[in-house]
Structures are given as C-alpha cells and as structure tokens.
Amino acid sequence: MERRHWLIKLRKIHQLTQEQVAARAFIERSYYAQLEYGTKNPSKEVAKKLGKVLGFHYSSFDLEGNPFSFALQHSPMVIAHCDLELRYTWIFNPHQDFEPTDVIGKTDQEINENEGTLALMELKRNVIEKQIPIRRKITFPLSEGKITYDVFGHPLYDDESELIGVATASTEWSKKD
C-alpha cells in the first residue's frame, strides 16, 4: 500500500499534527502514522473516529482496496466525496488535468472557475439542500477540449444519518475540440 496523501492533506488543512489527530480519535500517534503511510488499515471503528476528526466519510478507506477501484482506474469515470462546504475530502480517478491530492480541501471553483465547475457546485448545493440524488450532464473546458460528463450526486450521510456532504460519480459522456 502507498501513502495516503489524501489523509495527510486533510490533516494539514485542519492544521493538526499527527499527535493531535491521534488524541482526538483516541488512538496512538504511531498507529495513526502507520495509517497515513499506508502500512496499516484502520478498523471500521477507528475509520469512523478519524472521519469525525478530519471531516470525511469513513468509507474512504474501504474504497482504496476495493476491487472496483482496479476496474475503474484510468476509466472515464471520476468518483469523489466533498463536505458540506463543497470541499473535496476524497477523489478517485480525476481527469489528467488534476492531481488527486491537490484538489483535497478545495472547492471546484478554487480549482478552476469556469461554467462547468460552477454547474457542478450548483448540483452539489442542490443535493445538500434537497437531500436527494440529482443527475445532470455538465460540460467542462479541459486541456483536450470540452468534455461533457454525466454527473450523479448523492447525499453522503454518516452512521447517525447526519448529512456530512455529497458523493459524486461522473462518467465521461462526450468530447469536443
């Protein structure tokens, strides 16, 4: 397993040390360090605690080793989680224009403001406000031209059924130069 750059980035965004995260999650600092370095996998209980401390859905750990991740790697599909402020907490398989760890903690508008990112943020806001799944086709200007994605946004809840963000699955629909 490789380093969990997304976890490190979330910790730094919250301006916490490994020691502080570990203390808030009631685990040893050395164990938390092993989680960041990818040498250990957390139990579901520990993943939930870390999710609460750093503001992400605990399933992010499960998605890493999921067989679907191998099937979807380099496919025209992007899967992501964001919090209630629309900041990415996890992303899988983003377009080649984006480095996965660079988008963690940022909104789409902060990454690249354009009509596509504004439409994506609007979809996410609607999902949060209405707390229902929403699907739209959204076109983004990217390095290889305009690309339209079929975007499906779904409310993201924690185990206490509290809304904590939005999960999105975006499939490439068409390309235009």
N, C-alpha and C. Protein backbone atom coordinates (compact mmCIF):
# COMPACT_ATOMS: atom_id res chain seq x y z
N MET A 1 0.85 -1.18 0.00
CA MET A 1 0.00 0.00 0.00
C MET A 1 0.90 1.24 0.00
N GLU A 2 0.44 2.29 -0.63
CA GLU A 2 1.23 3.51 -0.66
C GLU A 2 0.66 4.54 0.31
N ARG A 3 1.40 5.61 0.48
CA ARG A 3 1.00 6.67 1.41
C ARG A 3 -0.40 7.16 1.08
N ARG A 4 -1.12 7.50 2.11
CA ARG A 4 -2.46 8.07 1.96
C ARG A 4 -2.32 9.59 1.93
N HIS A 5 -1.99 10.10 0.76
CA HIS A 5 -1.77 11.54 0.62
C HIS A 5 -3.04 12.33 0.94
N TRP A 6 -4.20 11.78 0.63
CA TRP A 6 -5.45 12.47 0.92
C TRP A 6 -5.64 12.65 2.42
N LEU A 7 -5.23 11.66 3.21
CA LEU A 7 -5.37 11.74 4.67
C LEU A 7 -4.39 12.76 5.24
N ILE A 8 -3.17 12.76 4.73
CA ILE A 8 -2.16 13.72 5.17
C ILE A 8 -2.63 15.14 4.85
N LYS A 9 -3.16 15.32 3.64
CA LYS A 9 -3.62 16.64 3.21
C LYS A 9 -4.77 17.13 4.09
N LEU A 10 -5.73 16.26 4.41
CA LEU A 10 -6.83 16.65 5.28
C LEU A 10 -6.32 17.06 6.66
N ARG A 11 -5.37 16.32 7.19
CA ARG A 11 -4.80 16.67 8.50
C ARG A 11 -4.17 18.05 8.46
N LYS A 12 -3.43 18.31 7.41
CA LYS A 12 -2.75 19.61 7.28
C LYS A 12 -3.75 20.75 7.06
N ILE A 13 -4.81 20.49 6.31
CA ILE A 13 -5.85 21.50 6.10
C ILE A 13 -6.47 21.89 7.44
N HIS A 14 -6.65 20.91 8.31
CA HIS A 14 -7.22 21.18 9.64
C HIS A 14 -6.17 21.70 10.62
N GLN A 15 -4.93 21.85 10.12
CA GLN A 15 -3.81 22.36 10.91
C GLN A 15 -3.60 21.56 12.19
N LEU A 16 -3.59 20.24 12.02
CA LEU A 16 -3.39 19.34 13.14
C LEU A 16 -2.11 18.53 12.95
N THR A 17 -1.49 18.19 14.04
CA THR A 17 -0.34 17.29 14.00
C THR A 17 -0.87 15.86 14.05
N GLN A 18 0.01 14.91 13.77
CA GLN A 18 -0.38 13.51 13.92
C GLN A 18 -0.80 13.24 15.36
N GLU A 19 -0.08 13.80 16.30
CA GLU A 19 -0.38 13.62 17.72
C GLU A 19 -1.78 14.13 18.06
N GLN A 20 -2.15 15.29 17.53
CA GLN A 20 -3.46 15.86 17.82
C GLN A 20 -4.58 15.02 17.21
N VAL A 21 -4.39 14.56 15.98
CA VAL A 21 -5.41 13.71 15.35
C VAL A 21 -5.56 12.43 16.15
N ALA A 22 -4.45 11.82 16.49
CA ALA A 22 -4.49 10.56 17.24
C ALA A 22 -5.20 10.75 18.58
N ALA A 23 -4.89 11.83 19.28
CA ALA A 23 -5.52 12.08 20.58
C ALA A 23 -7.04 12.26 20.43
N ARG A 24 -7.45 12.99 19.42
CA ARG A 24 -8.89 13.23 19.21
C ARG A 24 -9.63 11.98 18.77
N ALA A 25 -8.90 11.05 18.15
CA ALA A 25 -9.51 9.79 17.71
C ALA A 25 -9.29 8.66 18.73
N PHE A 26 -8.59 8.98 19.81
CA PHE A 26 -8.32 8.03 20.90
C PHE A 26 -7.52 6.81 20.42
N ILE A 27 -6.47 7.12 19.64
CA ILE A 27 -5.55 6.07 19.18
C ILE A 27 -4.12 6.55 19.42
N GLU A 28 -3.17 5.66 19.30
CA GLU A 28 -1.76 6.02 19.48
C GLU A 28 -1.26 6.79 18.25
N ARG A 29 -0.35 7.74 18.46
CA ARG A 29 0.22 8.50 17.36
C ARG A 29 0.95 7.61 16.38
N SER A 30 1.67 6.63 16.88
CA SER A 30 2.42 5.73 16.00
C SER A 30 1.49 4.93 15.09
N TYR A 31 0.34 4.55 15.62
CA TYR A 31 -0.66 3.83 14.82
C TYR A 31 -1.22 4.76 13.75
N TYR A 32 -1.53 6.00 14.15
CA TYR A 32 -2.04 6.96 13.16
C TYR A 32 -1.00 7.19 12.05
N ALA A 33 0.26 7.30 12.41
CA ALA A 33 1.33 7.49 11.42
C ALA A 33 1.34 6.31 10.44
N GLN A 34 1.15 5.10 10.95
CA GLN A 34 1.12 3.93 10.07
C GLN A 34 -0.08 3.99 9.11
N LEU A 35 -1.18 4.56 9.57
CA LEU A 35 -2.35 4.72 8.70
C LEU A 35 -2.04 5.71 7.58
N GLU A 36 -1.39 6.81 7.93
CA GLU A 36 -1.01 7.80 6.91
C GLU A 36 -0.03 7.20 5.90
N TYR A 37 0.92 6.43 6.39
CA TYR A 37 1.93 5.85 5.50
C TYR A 37 1.41 4.64 4.73
N GLY A 38 0.20 4.18 5.07
CA GLY A 38 -0.40 3.09 4.34
C GLY A 38 0.10 1.71 4.74
N THR A 39 0.82 1.63 5.85
CA THR A 39 1.31 0.32 6.28
C THR A 39 0.29 -0.42 7.13
N LYS A 40 -0.74 0.28 7.59
CA LYS A 40 -1.83 -0.34 8.35
C LYS A 40 -3.16 0.15 7.79
N ASN A 41 -4.18 -0.65 7.97
CA ASN A 41 -5.54 -0.27 7.63
C ASN A 41 -6.34 -0.16 8.92
N PRO A 42 -7.16 0.87 9.05
CA PRO A 42 -7.92 1.03 10.29
C PRO A 42 -9.12 0.10 10.36
N SER A 43 -9.53 -0.19 11.57
CA SER A 43 -10.81 -0.88 11.74
C SER A 43 -11.91 0.10 11.38
N LYS A 44 -13.09 -0.40 11.21
CA LYS A 44 -14.23 0.47 10.88
C LYS A 44 -14.44 1.51 11.98
N GLU A 45 -14.29 1.09 13.23
CA GLU A 45 -14.47 1.99 14.37
C GLU A 45 -13.44 3.13 14.33
N VAL A 46 -12.19 2.80 14.08
CA VAL A 46 -11.13 3.82 14.00
C VAL A 46 -11.36 4.73 12.78
N ALA A 47 -11.75 4.15 11.66
CA ALA A 47 -12.02 4.95 10.47
C ALA A 47 -13.13 5.96 10.74
N LYS A 48 -14.15 5.55 11.46
CA LYS A 48 -15.25 6.46 11.80
C LYS A 48 -14.76 7.60 12.69
N LYS A 49 -13.92 7.27 13.66
CA LYS A 49 -13.38 8.31 14.55
C LYS A 49 -12.54 9.31 13.76
N LEU A 50 -11.69 8.80 12.89
CA LEU A 50 -10.85 9.69 12.08
C LEU A 50 -11.71 10.54 11.14
N GLY A 51 -12.77 9.96 10.61
CA GLY A 51 -13.68 10.70 9.74
C GLY A 51 -14.31 11.88 10.47
N LYS A 52 -14.69 11.66 11.71
CA LYS A 52 -15.26 12.75 12.50
C LYS A 52 -14.23 13.83 12.79
N VAL A 53 -13.01 13.42 13.11
CA VAL A 53 -11.96 14.39 13.43
C VAL A 53 -11.57 15.22 12.21
N LEU A 54 -11.45 14.58 11.05
CA LEU A 54 -10.93 15.26 9.86
C LEU A 54 -12.01 15.61 8.82
N GLY A 55 -13.26 15.27 9.11
CA GLY A 55 -14.35 15.68 8.23
C GLY A 55 -14.46 14.93 6.92
N PHE A 56 -14.32 13.61 6.95
CA PHE A 56 -14.50 12.81 5.74
C PHE A 56 -15.34 11.59 6.09
N HIS A 57 -15.87 10.93 5.07
CA HIS A 57 -16.65 9.72 5.29
C HIS A 57 -15.70 8.54 5.45
N TYR A 58 -15.92 7.77 6.49
CA TYR A 58 -15.01 6.68 6.82
C TYR A 58 -14.85 5.65 5.71
N SER A 59 -15.80 5.57 4.79
CA SER A 59 -15.71 4.59 3.72
C SER A 59 -14.56 4.88 2.76
N SER A 60 -13.96 6.06 2.88
CA SER A 60 -12.83 6.39 2.00
C SER A 60 -11.73 5.35 2.12
N PHE A 61 -11.54 4.80 3.32
CA PHE A 61 -10.52 3.75 3.49
C PHE A 61 -10.92 2.49 2.73
N ASP A 62 -12.20 2.14 2.76
CA ASP A 62 -12.68 0.94 2.08
C ASP A 62 -12.55 1.05 0.56
N LEU A 63 -12.69 2.26 0.05
CA LEU A 63 -12.65 2.46 -1.40
C LEU A 63 -11.27 2.22 -1.98
N GLU A 64 -10.23 2.38 -1.16
CA GLU A 64 -8.85 2.23 -1.64
C GLU A 64 -8.56 0.83 -2.18
N GLY A 65 -8.94 -0.18 -1.45
CA GLY A 65 -8.60 -1.55 -1.84
C GLY A 65 -9.73 -2.29 -2.49
N ASN A 66 -10.80 -1.59 -2.79
CA ASN A 66 -11.96 -2.20 -3.37
C ASN A 66 -11.63 -2.70 -4.79
N PRO A 67 -12.06 -3.91 -5.14
CA PRO A 67 -11.79 -4.42 -6.48
C PRO A 67 -12.31 -3.51 -7.59
N PHE A 68 -13.37 -2.75 -7.31
CA PHE A 68 -13.89 -1.84 -8.31
C PHE A 68 -12.89 -0.74 -8.64
N SER A 69 -12.05 -0.39 -7.66
CA SER A 69 -11.07 0.67 -7.92
C SER A 69 -10.09 0.24 -9.01
N PHE A 70 -9.75 -1.03 -9.06
CA PHE A 70 -8.86 -1.53 -10.11
C PHE A 70 -9.55 -1.51 -11.47
N ALA A 71 -10.83 -1.87 -11.47
CA ALA A 71 -11.60 -1.87 -12.72
C ALA A 71 -11.82 -0.46 -13.24
N LEU A 72 -11.97 0.50 -12.33
CA LEU A 72 -12.27 1.88 -12.73
C LEU A 72 -11.03 2.73 -12.99
N GLN A 73 -9.87 2.26 -12.54
CA GLN A 73 -8.65 3.04 -12.73
C GLN A 73 -8.43 3.30 -14.22
N HIS A 74 -8.17 4.54 -14.56
CA HIS A 74 -7.95 5.00 -15.93
C HIS A 74 -9.20 4.89 -16.81
N SER A 75 -10.35 4.68 -16.18
CA SER A 75 -11.60 4.68 -16.94
C SER A 75 -12.09 6.12 -17.05
N PRO A 76 -13.10 6.38 -17.86
CA PRO A 76 -13.62 7.74 -17.98
C PRO A 76 -14.62 8.07 -16.86
N MET A 77 -14.32 7.62 -15.63
CA MET A 77 -15.22 7.87 -14.51
C MET A 77 -14.44 8.46 -13.34
N VAL A 78 -15.03 9.49 -12.73
CA VAL A 78 -14.45 10.14 -11.57
C VAL A 78 -15.41 9.96 -10.39
N ILE A 79 -14.90 9.53 -9.26
CA ILE A 79 -15.71 9.35 -8.06
C ILE A 79 -15.11 10.24 -6.98
N ALA A 80 -15.98 10.95 -6.24
CA ALA A 80 -15.46 11.87 -5.24
C ALA A 80 -16.43 12.05 -4.08
N HIS A 81 -15.89 12.51 -2.96
CA HIS A 81 -16.66 12.93 -1.80
C HIS A 81 -16.31 14.38 -1.53
N CYS A 82 -17.29 15.17 -1.09
CA CYS A 82 -17.00 16.52 -0.60
C CYS A 82 -17.83 16.77 0.65
N ASP A 83 -17.37 17.74 1.45
CA ASP A 83 -18.07 18.05 2.70
C ASP A 83 -19.21 19.04 2.42
N LEU A 84 -19.84 19.53 3.48
CA LEU A 84 -20.97 20.44 3.33
C LEU A 84 -20.57 21.80 2.78
N GLU A 85 -19.29 22.12 2.83
CA GLU A 85 -18.79 23.37 2.24
C GLU A 85 -18.30 23.15 0.81
N LEU A 86 -18.58 21.97 0.27
CA LEU A 86 -18.24 21.56 -1.09
C LEU A 86 -16.74 21.42 -1.32
N ARG A 87 -15.98 21.19 -0.25
CA ARG A 87 -14.54 20.96 -0.35
C ARG A 87 -14.30 19.46 -0.47
N TYR A 88 -13.46 19.08 -1.44
CA TYR A 88 -13.17 17.67 -1.65
C TYR A 88 -12.49 17.07 -0.42
N THR A 89 -13.00 15.90 -0.01
CA THR A 89 -12.36 15.15 1.07
C THR A 89 -11.74 13.86 0.53
N TRP A 90 -12.14 13.46 -0.68
CA TRP A 90 -11.60 12.25 -1.30
C TRP A 90 -11.96 12.30 -2.78
N ILE A 91 -11.05 11.83 -3.62
CA ILE A 91 -11.33 11.77 -5.06
C ILE A 91 -10.58 10.58 -5.66
N PHE A 92 -11.23 9.93 -6.60
CA PHE A 92 -10.63 8.79 -7.29
C PHE A 92 -10.72 9.01 -8.79
N ASN A 93 -9.60 8.87 -9.46
CA ASN A 93 -9.53 8.87 -10.91
C ASN A 93 -9.92 10.20 -11.55
N PRO A 94 -9.42 11.33 -11.03
CA PRO A 94 -9.78 12.61 -11.67
C PRO A 94 -9.19 12.71 -13.06
N HIS A 95 -9.70 13.65 -13.84
CA HIS A 95 -9.17 13.92 -15.18
C HIS A 95 -7.68 14.20 -15.08
N GLN A 96 -6.94 13.89 -16.11
CA GLN A 96 -5.48 14.04 -16.11
C GLN A 96 -5.03 15.47 -15.85
N ASP A 97 -5.90 16.47 -15.99
CA ASP A 97 -5.54 17.86 -15.70
C ASP A 97 -5.35 18.09 -14.20
N PHE A 98 -5.81 17.17 -13.37
CA PHE A 98 -5.81 17.38 -11.93
C PHE A 98 -5.06 16.29 -11.19
N GLU A 99 -4.28 16.70 -10.21
CA GLU A 99 -3.57 15.78 -9.32
C GLU A 99 -4.50 15.52 -8.13
N PRO A 100 -4.80 14.26 -7.83
CA PRO A 100 -5.77 13.96 -6.77
C PRO A 100 -5.50 14.67 -5.44
N THR A 101 -4.27 14.68 -4.98
CA THR A 101 -4.02 15.30 -3.67
C THR A 101 -4.11 16.82 -3.72
N ASP A 102 -3.96 17.42 -4.89
CA ASP A 102 -4.06 18.87 -4.99
C ASP A 102 -5.48 19.39 -4.84
N VAL A 103 -6.47 18.55 -5.11
CA VAL A 103 -7.86 19.01 -5.01
C VAL A 103 -8.44 18.83 -3.61
N ILE A 104 -7.83 18.01 -2.78
CA ILE A 104 -8.34 17.78 -1.43
C ILE A 104 -8.35 19.10 -0.67
N GLY A 105 -9.50 19.40 -0.05
CA GLY A 105 -9.65 20.63 0.72
C GLY A 105 -10.08 21.83 -0.10
N LYS A 106 -10.22 21.65 -1.40
CA LYS A 106 -10.61 22.77 -2.26
C LYS A 106 -11.99 22.53 -2.85
N THR A 107 -12.66 23.64 -3.21
CA THR A 107 -13.91 23.54 -3.95
C THR A 107 -13.58 23.52 -5.44
N ASP A 108 -14.56 23.16 -6.25
CA ASP A 108 -14.35 23.15 -7.70
C ASP A 108 -13.98 24.55 -8.20
N GLN A 109 -14.61 25.55 -7.64
CA GLN A 109 -14.35 26.93 -8.04
C GLN A 109 -12.91 27.34 -7.72
N GLU A 110 -12.37 26.86 -6.60
CA GLU A 110 -11.00 27.17 -6.24
C GLU A 110 -10.00 26.43 -7.15
N ILE A 111 -10.40 25.29 -7.65
CA ILE A 111 -9.52 24.50 -8.52
C ILE A 111 -9.43 25.13 -9.90
N ASN A 112 -10.58 25.48 -10.47
CA ASN A 112 -10.61 26.08 -11.80
C ASN A 112 -12.01 26.63 -12.04
N GLU A 113 -12.17 27.93 -11.90
CA GLU A 113 -13.51 28.52 -12.06
C GLU A 113 -13.87 28.62 -13.53
N ASN A 114 -14.95 27.94 -13.90
CA ASN A 114 -15.49 28.02 -15.25
C ASN A 114 -16.95 27.59 -15.20
N GLU A 115 -17.63 27.63 -16.32
CA GLU A 115 -19.06 27.30 -16.32
C GLU A 115 -19.33 25.87 -15.85
N GLY A 116 -18.43 24.95 -16.15
CA GLY A 116 -18.60 23.57 -15.72
C GLY A 116 -18.48 23.40 -14.22
N THR A 117 -17.44 24.01 -13.64
CA THR A 117 -17.25 23.86 -12.19
C THR A 117 -18.37 24.57 -11.42
N LEU A 118 -18.84 25.70 -11.95
CA LEU A 118 -19.95 26.40 -11.30
C LEU A 118 -21.22 25.55 -11.34
N ALA A 119 -21.46 24.88 -12.48
CA ALA A 119 -22.63 24.00 -12.60
C ALA A 119 -22.50 22.79 -11.66
N LEU A 120 -21.28 22.26 -11.52
CA LEU A 120 -21.07 21.13 -10.62
C LEU A 120 -21.31 21.55 -9.17
N MET A 121 -20.85 22.73 -8.80
CA MET A 121 -21.09 23.21 -7.44
C MET A 121 -22.58 23.42 -7.19
N GLU A 122 -23.30 23.90 -8.20
CA GLU A 122 -24.75 24.09 -8.07
C GLU A 122 -25.45 22.75 -7.87
N LEU A 123 -25.03 21.72 -8.62
CA LEU A 123 -25.59 20.38 -8.44
C LEU A 123 -25.37 19.93 -7.00
N LYS A 124 -24.16 20.09 -6.49
CA LYS A 124 -23.84 19.66 -5.13
C LYS A 124 -24.67 20.43 -4.10
N ARG A 125 -24.83 21.74 -4.30
CA ARG A 125 -25.66 22.54 -3.38
C ARG A 125 -27.09 22.02 -3.39
N ASN A 126 -27.62 21.70 -4.58
CA ASN A 126 -28.98 21.18 -4.68
C ASN A 126 -29.13 19.84 -3.96
N VAL A 127 -28.13 18.99 -4.09
CA VAL A 127 -28.16 17.70 -3.39
C VAL A 127 -28.23 17.93 -1.88
N ILE A 128 -27.42 18.84 -1.38
CA ILE A 128 -27.40 19.13 0.06
C ILE A 128 -28.72 19.75 0.50
N GLU A 129 -29.22 20.74 -0.23
CA GLU A 129 -30.47 21.42 0.15
C GLU A 129 -31.67 20.48 0.12
N LYS A 130 -31.78 19.69 -0.94
CA LYS A 130 -32.95 18.82 -1.11
C LYS A 130 -32.76 17.45 -0.50
N GLN A 131 -31.52 17.08 -0.23
CA GLN A 131 -31.16 15.77 0.32
C GLN A 131 -31.74 14.63 -0.52
N ILE A 132 -31.58 14.79 -1.82
CA ILE A 132 -31.99 13.75 -2.77
C ILE A 132 -30.89 13.61 -3.82
N PRO A 133 -30.81 12.44 -4.47
CA PRO A 133 -29.85 12.28 -5.57
C PRO A 133 -30.27 13.15 -6.75
N ILE A 134 -29.28 13.71 -7.44
CA ILE A 134 -29.53 14.54 -8.61
C ILE A 134 -28.53 14.16 -9.70
N ARG A 135 -29.02 14.15 -10.94
CA ARG A 135 -28.19 13.77 -12.08
C ARG A 135 -28.30 14.85 -13.16
N ARG A 136 -27.13 15.27 -13.69
CA ARG A 136 -27.10 16.27 -14.76
C ARG A 136 -25.92 16.01 -15.68
N LYS A 137 -26.05 16.48 -16.90
CA LYS A 137 -24.91 16.49 -17.81
C LYS A 137 -24.25 17.86 -17.69
N ILE A 138 -22.93 17.87 -17.45
CA ILE A 138 -22.19 19.11 -17.25
C ILE A 138 -20.96 19.09 -18.16
N THR A 139 -20.71 20.21 -18.86
CA THR A 139 -19.58 20.32 -19.77
C THR A 139 -18.48 21.17 -19.13
N PHE A 140 -17.25 20.65 -19.20
CA PHE A 140 -16.08 21.31 -18.63
C PHE A 140 -15.07 21.62 -19.72
N PRO A 141 -14.46 22.82 -19.70
CA PRO A 141 -13.36 23.09 -20.63
C PRO A 141 -12.07 22.53 -20.02
N LEU A 142 -11.51 21.51 -20.65
CA LEU A 142 -10.29 20.87 -20.15
C LEU A 142 -9.20 20.95 -21.21
N SER A 143 -8.03 20.47 -20.87
CA SER A 143 -6.86 20.60 -21.76
C SER A 143 -7.08 19.99 -23.14
N GLU A 144 -7.86 18.94 -23.22
CA GLU A 144 -8.09 18.27 -24.52
C GLU A 144 -9.38 18.73 -25.18
N GLY A 145 -9.93 19.85 -24.74
CA GLY A 145 -11.17 20.38 -25.30
C GLY A 145 -12.30 20.27 -24.29
N LYS A 146 -13.50 20.51 -24.76
CA LYS A 146 -14.66 20.43 -23.88
C LYS A 146 -15.08 18.98 -23.70
N ILE A 147 -15.30 18.61 -22.45
CA ILE A 147 -15.74 17.24 -22.14
C ILE A 147 -17.03 17.33 -21.32
N THR A 148 -18.02 16.58 -21.76
CA THR A 148 -19.29 16.53 -21.03
C THR A 148 -19.31 15.26 -20.19
N TYR A 149 -19.67 15.44 -18.94
CA TYR A 149 -19.81 14.32 -18.01
C TYR A 149 -21.26 14.16 -17.60
N ASP A 150 -21.67 12.93 -17.44
CA ASP A 150 -22.95 12.59 -16.83
C ASP A 150 -22.64 12.50 -15.34
N VAL A 151 -23.11 13.48 -14.56
CA VAL A 151 -22.75 13.59 -13.15
C VAL A 151 -23.94 13.19 -12.28
N PHE A 152 -23.67 12.27 -11.37
CA PHE A 152 -24.68 11.82 -10.41
C PHE A 152 -24.21 12.20 -9.02
N GLY A 153 -24.98 13.05 -8.33
CA GLY A 153 -24.64 13.45 -6.97
C GLY A 153 -25.62 12.83 -5.99
N HIS A 154 -25.10 12.36 -4.87
CA HIS A 154 -25.92 11.68 -3.87
C HIS A 154 -25.57 12.22 -2.49
N PRO A 155 -26.58 12.44 -1.63
CA PRO A 155 -26.25 12.89 -0.27
C PRO A 155 -25.36 11.86 0.43
N LEU A 156 -24.42 12.35 1.22
CA LEU A 156 -23.48 11.49 1.95
C LEU A 156 -23.79 11.64 3.44
N TYR A 157 -24.17 10.54 4.07
CA TYR A 157 -24.55 10.55 5.48
C TYR A 157 -23.55 9.75 6.31
N ASP A 158 -23.45 10.10 7.59
CA ASP A 158 -22.64 9.29 8.50
C ASP A 158 -23.54 8.22 9.12
N ASP A 159 -23.01 7.45 10.06
CA ASP A 159 -23.78 6.34 10.65
C ASP A 159 -24.95 6.80 11.50
N GLU A 160 -24.95 8.07 11.92
CA GLU A 160 -26.06 8.60 12.70
C GLU A 160 -27.09 9.28 11.80
N SER A 161 -26.99 9.04 10.50
CA SER A 161 -27.87 9.61 9.48
C SER A 161 -27.78 11.13 9.40
N GLU A 162 -26.64 11.67 9.80
CA GLU A 162 -26.41 13.11 9.69
C GLU A 162 -25.76 13.38 8.34
N LEU A 163 -26.31 14.36 7.62
CA LEU A 163 -25.76 14.74 6.33
C LEU A 163 -24.37 15.34 6.54
N ILE A 164 -23.37 14.78 5.85
CA ILE A 164 -22.00 15.28 6.02
C ILE A 164 -21.40 15.77 4.70
N GLY A 165 -22.12 15.59 3.59
CA GLY A 165 -21.57 16.03 2.31
C GLY A 165 -22.28 15.41 1.12
N VAL A 166 -21.54 15.33 0.03
CA VAL A 166 -22.06 14.82 -1.23
C VAL A 166 -21.04 13.85 -1.84
N ALA A 167 -21.54 12.74 -2.36
CA ALA A 167 -20.72 11.82 -3.14
C ALA A 167 -21.13 12.01 -4.60
N THR A 168 -20.13 12.05 -5.49
CA THR A 168 -20.44 12.18 -6.90
C THR A 168 -19.75 11.09 -7.71
N ALA A 169 -20.44 10.68 -8.77
CA ALA A 169 -19.87 9.77 -9.75
C ALA A 169 -20.09 10.44 -11.10
N SER A 170 -19.02 10.71 -11.81
CA SER A 170 -19.10 11.42 -13.09
C SER A 170 -18.49 10.55 -14.19
N THR A 171 -19.30 10.28 -15.20
CA THR A 171 -18.87 9.45 -16.32
C THR A 171 -18.75 10.31 -17.57
N GLU A 172 -17.61 10.18 -18.25
CA GLU A 172 -17.39 10.96 -19.48
C GLU A 172 -18.47 10.60 -20.50
N TRP A 173 -19.11 11.62 -21.04
CA TRP A 173 -20.21 11.42 -21.98
C TRP A 173 -19.77 11.70 -23.40
N SER A 174 -19.08 12.84 -23.59
CA SER A 174 -18.62 13.17 -24.94
C SER A 174 -17.48 14.19 -24.88
N LYS A 175 -16.68 14.22 -25.94
CA LYS A 175 -15.55 15.16 -26.08
C LYS A 175 -15.79 16.01 -27.31
N LYS A 176 -15.39 17.30 -27.19
CA LYS A 176 -15.44 18.22 -28.33
C LYS A 176 -14.17 19.04 -28.34
N ASP A 177 -13.59 19.22 -29.50
CA ASP A 177 -12.37 20.04 -29.59
C ASP A 177 -12.70 21.51 -29.52
